[in-house]
Amino acid sequence: MRLQKNINNFHNSFNLLISLLALTSGNLIYAHSPWISTPNEFNTTVSYTFESFSNFWRGNKKATLANRIEQETVSLDLDYAFTPEFSLDLRLGYAKSDANGTGSDGLIDTHVGLKWLLLNEFTQRNKFLPTLTFRSAIIIEGTYDVGVVSAIGDGASGINNSILIGKSLTENFGLFSSINYKIFNHKVPNQISISAGLYQNIIDKLSVNLVYSFNKASSGISIDDPLFNPSRFPELNEISHNAEASLSYIFSKNKIISFLVARTLDGENTGQKTIFSFSFSNVF
């Protein structure tokens, strides 16, 4: 009984920390956590993200734009677990991009997801078993313009199915990973994404997250293809390798702030982005 109580207490505080795992542009805060939030608690996160790039890959060759592209995004993430095994998450927001005075703005793609906890490491007799969660989400295209280099997104709706895995190795250190497959409409190529990372509690209430992610379109056209034109930006065969690092700090019982830095390391038909993000999370 005492052991189970300690596990439950650790599980509750752990969910607070893990809810602020690092995100790249387009990734979701709660969506990439395999751990389900505490039932009947409402998690909210407000984020501001700034990203920019001037270098990009034309096919697999490096090139430089005449004008630097910058984008600002303000987003709201909501998460509610209605049982110990099931939770709903929602992301919505607004973004504005700029490229030397020209750009785009509008609502970002909205994501509505349902997570199902298949295996809970904290309730298993076998201490080597991980946490395993399945998530399925609907993607609703935003209101921004497409077909321009500064477009906020691809302007497509779809479905994102994910397998999320995590393992707490100690009370202060753990690993997590995800496999996502997105299916889009409007001739936008489907996409597979794989990520892996670790978290470490540095001191009391302060944790660091390190993440590597790989994204690849299932098909599409290359920028260096003679048939390419700006209207076909959503159809690009994009590949990207990304690295992320974030710090999260619990400054009161139910409030967390997080700061993230991310960078595109390599890719094809994509920009070499640098991303900064600041988030504030509260639990009700």
Foldseek 3Di string as FASTA:
>chain_A
DVLLVVLVVLLQVVVLVQLQADDDQPDHSNVQALAAHDAPKKKKKKKKKKKKFQWDFQFQHIDGHPWIKIKIKIKMKIKHANDNFKIKIKMKTKMWMDTPNDAKIWIAKIKIKMKGWPDPCSPDPPNPAWTKMKMKIKIHHIDMDALAPRTSALRWIWMKIKIKIKHDPDSFKIKIKMWIWIDTDPLQFIKIKIKIKMKGAPDPQKIKIKMKMKMWGPDFDGSPDPPDDSNRLSRHGKIWIKIKMKMKGDPDDFKIKMWMWMFTDGMGSTGTMIMIMIMIMGMD
